[in-house]
Amino acid sequence: MKYDKSVYRSLALVTQFGINMLVPVFLCTFAGIWLGRKFSVEWIVIPLFMAGALAGFRNIFIMAKKIYEKDAVSAKVPSIYCTKEQKNKERLNRHAFMCNEQCNDKERSKDHAEKN
């Protein structure tokens, strides 16, 4: 059975998300345990765990933001590189957008005429 490349990319992405979240949490937790035992301050684990969780969420946020920016850039590929289906889909989307704008303009003009 032959898999599509997107399956492997998705698996790699999920793995990266997991690593980016877990590494800071574990490092901060183990640092908290070590510091707690060394200085007899056992409660230090809790704030360091929270700091690790926040760092992990920040890592994931930055990574997801980069991925979405790449998707937005790749969506604006020049039409010379697009397939016929992509060009038709883009044309239909533009047509629907223009029709929607015209309908909104007509409604606005009706609303404006009714108010005056």
C-alpha atoms as a PDB file:
ATOM      1  CA  MET A   1       0.000   0.000   0.000  1.00  0.00           C
ATOM      2  CA  LYS A   2       1.391   3.358  -1.027  1.00  0.00           C
ATOM      3  CA  TYR A   3       0.786   6.365   1.225  1.00  0.00           C
ATOM      4  CA  ASP A   4       0.435   9.951   0.206  1.00  0.00           C
ATOM      5  CA  LYS A   5       3.187  12.342   1.330  1.00  0.00           C
ATOM      6  CA  SER A   6       0.613  14.351   3.253  1.00  0.00           C
ATOM      7  CA  VAL A   7       0.190  11.447   5.696  1.00  0.00           C
ATOM      8  CA  TYR A   8       3.876  11.536   6.577  1.00  0.00           C
ATOM      9  CA  ARG A   9       3.874  15.332   6.782  1.00  0.00           C
ATOM     10  CA  SER A  10       0.896  15.230   9.125  1.00  0.00           C
ATOM     11  CA  LEU A  11       2.586  12.610  11.290  1.00  0.00           C
ATOM     12  CA  ALA A  12       5.763  14.712  11.438  1.00  0.00           C
ATOM     13  CA  LEU A  13       3.716  17.791  12.331  1.00  0.00           C
ATOM     14  CA  VAL A  14       1.911  16.020  15.168  1.00  0.00           C
ATOM     15  CA  THR A  15       5.241  14.691  16.446  1.00  0.00           C
ATOM     16  CA  GLN A  16       6.762  18.178  16.383  1.00  0.00           C
ATOM     17  CA  PHE A  17       3.795  19.578  18.276  1.00  0.00           C
ATOM     18  CA  GLY A  18       4.202  16.895  20.938  1.00  0.00           C
ATOM     19  CA  ILE A  19       7.927  17.426  21.316  1.00  0.00           C
ATOM     20  CA  ASN A  20       7.569  21.219  21.395  1.00  0.00           C
ATOM     21  CA  MET A  21       5.026  20.907  24.195  1.00  0.00           C
ATOM     22  CA  LEU A  22       6.568  18.150  26.318  1.00  0.00           C
ATOM     23  CA  VAL A  23      10.249  19.108  26.373  1.00  0.00           C
ATOM     24  CA  PRO A  24       9.835  22.442  28.214  1.00  0.00           C
ATOM     25  CA  VAL A  25       7.340  20.902  30.650  1.00  0.00           C
ATOM     26  CA  PHE A  26       9.671  18.031  31.546  1.00  0.00           C
ATOM     27  CA  LEU A  27      12.774  20.216  31.742  1.00  0.00           C
ATOM     28  CA  CYS A  28      11.108  22.730  34.051  1.00  0.00           C
ATOM     29  CA  THR A  29       9.550  19.985  36.182  1.00  0.00           C
ATOM     30  CA  PHE A  30      12.857  18.153  36.627  1.00  0.00           C
ATOM     31  CA  ALA A  31      14.617  21.449  37.363  1.00  0.00           C
ATOM     32  CA  GLY A  32      11.954  22.149  39.993  1.00  0.00           C
ATOM     33  CA  ILE A  33      12.408  18.723  41.576  1.00  0.00           C
ATOM     34  CA  TRP A  34      16.188  19.156  41.645  1.00  0.00           C
ATOM     35  CA  LEU A  35      15.980  22.680  43.091  1.00  0.00           C
ATOM     36  CA  GLY A  36      13.359  21.572  45.619  1.00  0.00           C
ATOM     37  CA  ARG A  37      15.533  18.755  46.927  1.00  0.00           C
ATOM     38  CA  LYS A  38      18.715  20.829  46.927  1.00  0.00           C
ATOM     39  CA  PHE A  39      17.276  23.831  48.791  1.00  0.00           C
ATOM     40  CA  SER A  40      14.432  22.074  50.680  1.00  0.00           C
ATOM     41  CA  VAL A  41      11.777  24.082  48.821  1.00  0.00           C
ATOM     42  CA  GLU A  42       9.454  21.396  47.490  1.00  0.00           C
ATOM     43  CA  TRP A  43       6.743  23.827  46.313  1.00  0.00           C
ATOM     44  CA  ILE A  44       9.041  25.268  43.598  1.00  0.00           C
ATOM     45  CA  VAL A  45       7.983  22.409  41.293  1.00  0.00           C
ATOM     46  CA  ILE A  46       4.523  23.887  40.768  1.00  0.00           C
ATOM     47  CA  PRO A  47       5.563  27.329  39.431  1.00  0.00           C
ATOM     48  CA  LEU A  48       8.274  25.785  37.270  1.00  0.00           C
ATOM     49  CA  PHE A  49       5.777  23.262  35.865  1.00  0.00           C
ATOM     50  CA  MET A  50       3.458  26.164  34.991  1.00  0.00           C
ATOM     51  CA  ALA A  51       6.334  28.049  33.361  1.00  0.00           C
ATOM     52  CA  GLY A  52       7.176  24.956  31.302  1.00  0.00           C
ATOM     53  CA  ALA A  53       3.553  24.586  30.210  1.00  0.00           C
ATOM     54  CA  LEU A  54       3.408  28.239  29.176  1.00  0.00           C
ATOM     55  CA  ALA A  55       6.671  27.870  27.251  1.00  0.00           C
ATOM     56  CA  GLY A  56       5.289  24.785  25.505  1.00  0.00           C
ATOM     57  CA  PHE A  57       2.091  26.601  24.526  1.00  0.00           C
ATOM     58  CA  ARG A  58       4.176  29.490  23.234  1.00  0.00           C
ATOM     59  CA  ASN A  59       6.277  27.111  21.128  1.00  0.00           C
ATOM     60  CA  ILE A  60       3.168  25.537  19.643  1.00  0.00           C
ATOM     61  CA  PHE A  61       1.602  28.925  18.953  1.00  0.00           C
ATOM     62  CA  ILE A  62       4.693  30.149  17.101  1.00  0.00           C
ATOM     63  CA  MET A  63       4.934  26.917  15.114  1.00  0.00           C
ATOM     64  CA  ALA A  64       1.251  26.969  14.160  1.00  0.00           C
ATOM     65  CA  LYS A  65       1.504  30.624  13.163  1.00  0.00           C
ATOM     66  CA  LYS A  66       4.403  29.830  10.819  1.00  0.00           C
ATOM     67  CA  ILE A  67       2.489  26.933   9.283  1.00  0.00           C
ATOM     68  CA  TYR A  68      -0.584  29.067   8.626  1.00  0.00           C
ATOM     69  CA  GLU A  69       1.569  31.830   7.119  1.00  0.00           C
ATOM     70  CA  LYS A  70       3.125  29.287   4.739  1.00  0.00           C
ATOM     71  CA  ASP A  71      -0.360  28.047   3.785  1.00  0.00           C
ATOM     72  CA  ALA A  72      -1.531  31.606   3.122  1.00  0.00           C
ATOM     73  CA  VAL A  73       1.505  32.300   0.938  1.00  0.00           C
ATOM     74  CA  SER A  74       1.113  29.037  -0.973  1.00  0.00           C
ATOM     75  CA  ALA A  75      -2.578  29.832  -1.542  1.00  0.00           C
ATOM     76  CA  LYS A  76      -1.523  32.969  -3.429  1.00  0.00           C
ATOM     77  CA  VAL A  77       0.526  31.073  -6.013  1.00  0.00           C
ATOM     78  CA  PRO A  78       0.538  32.763  -9.427  1.00  0.00           C
ATOM     79  CA  SER A  79      -2.060  31.326 -11.763  1.00  0.00           C
ATOM     80  CA  ILE A  80       0.546  30.116 -14.272  1.00  0.00           C
ATOM     81  CA  TYR A  81       1.412  27.356 -11.790  1.00  0.00           C
ATOM     82  CA  CYS A  82      -2.203  26.398 -11.062  1.00  0.00           C
ATOM     83  CA  THR A  83      -4.053  23.455 -12.550  1.00  0.00           C
ATOM     84  CA  LYS A  84      -7.197  23.947 -14.599  1.00  0.00           C
ATOM     85  CA  GLU A  85      -9.368  22.883 -11.635  1.00  0.00           C
ATOM     86  CA  GLN A  86      -7.664  25.381  -9.330  1.00  0.00           C
ATOM     87  CA  LYS A  87      -8.160  28.192 -11.856  1.00  0.00           C
ATOM     88  CA  ASN A  88     -11.861  27.334 -12.212  1.00  0.00           C
ATOM     89  CA  LYS A  89     -12.290  27.203  -8.442  1.00  0.00           C
ATOM     90  CA  GLU A  90     -10.550  30.576  -8.064  1.00  0.00           C
ATOM     91  CA  ARG A  91     -12.738  32.079 -10.806  1.00  0.00           C
ATOM     92  CA  LEU A  92     -15.911  30.773  -9.118  1.00  0.00           C
ATOM     93  CA  ASN A  93     -14.779  32.134  -5.755  1.00  0.00           C
ATOM     94  CA  ARG A  94     -14.130  35.566  -7.278  1.00  0.00           C
ATOM     95  CA  HIS A  95     -17.535  35.477  -8.988  1.00  0.00           C
ATOM     96  CA  ALA A  96     -19.301  34.546  -5.739  1.00  0.00           C
ATOM     97  CA  PHE A  97     -17.443  37.307  -3.899  1.00  0.00           C
ATOM     98  CA  MET A  98     -18.381  39.895  -6.526  1.00  0.00           C
ATOM     99  CA  CYS A  99     -22.031  38.803  -6.507  1.00  0.00           C
ATOM    100  CA  ASN A 100     -22.091  38.982  -2.733  1.00  0.00           C
ATOM    101  CA  GLU A 101     -20.597  42.490  -2.802  1.00  0.00           C
ATOM    102  CA  GLN A 102     -23.174  43.620  -5.393  1.00  0.00           C
ATOM    103  CA  CYS A 103     -26.010  42.226  -3.280  1.00  0.00           C
ATOM    104  CA  ASN A 104     -24.636  44.011  -0.237  1.00  0.00           C
ATOM    105  CA  ASP A 105     -24.363  47.264  -2.228  1.00  0.00           C
ATOM    106  CA  LYS A 106     -27.996  46.956  -3.341  1.00  0.00           C
ATOM    107  CA  GLU A 107     -29.115  46.301   0.233  1.00  0.00           C
ATOM    108  CA  ARG A 108     -27.088  49.258   1.486  1.00  0.00           C
ATOM    109  CA  SER A 109     -28.622  51.562  -1.124  1.00  0.00           C
ATOM    110  CA  LYS A 110     -32.121  50.329  -0.217  1.00  0.00           C
ATOM    111  CA  ASP A 111     -31.422  50.893   3.481  1.00  0.00           C
ATOM    112  CA  HIS A 112     -30.028  54.345   2.728  1.00  0.00           C
ATOM    113  CA  ALA A 113     -33.065  55.260   0.588  1.00  0.00           C
ATOM    114  CA  GLU A 114     -35.464  54.060   3.312  1.00  0.00           C
ATOM    115  CA  LYS A 115     -33.706  56.116   5.989  1.00  0.00           C
ATOM    116  CA  ASN A 116     -33.852  59.311   3.906  1.00  0.00           C
END
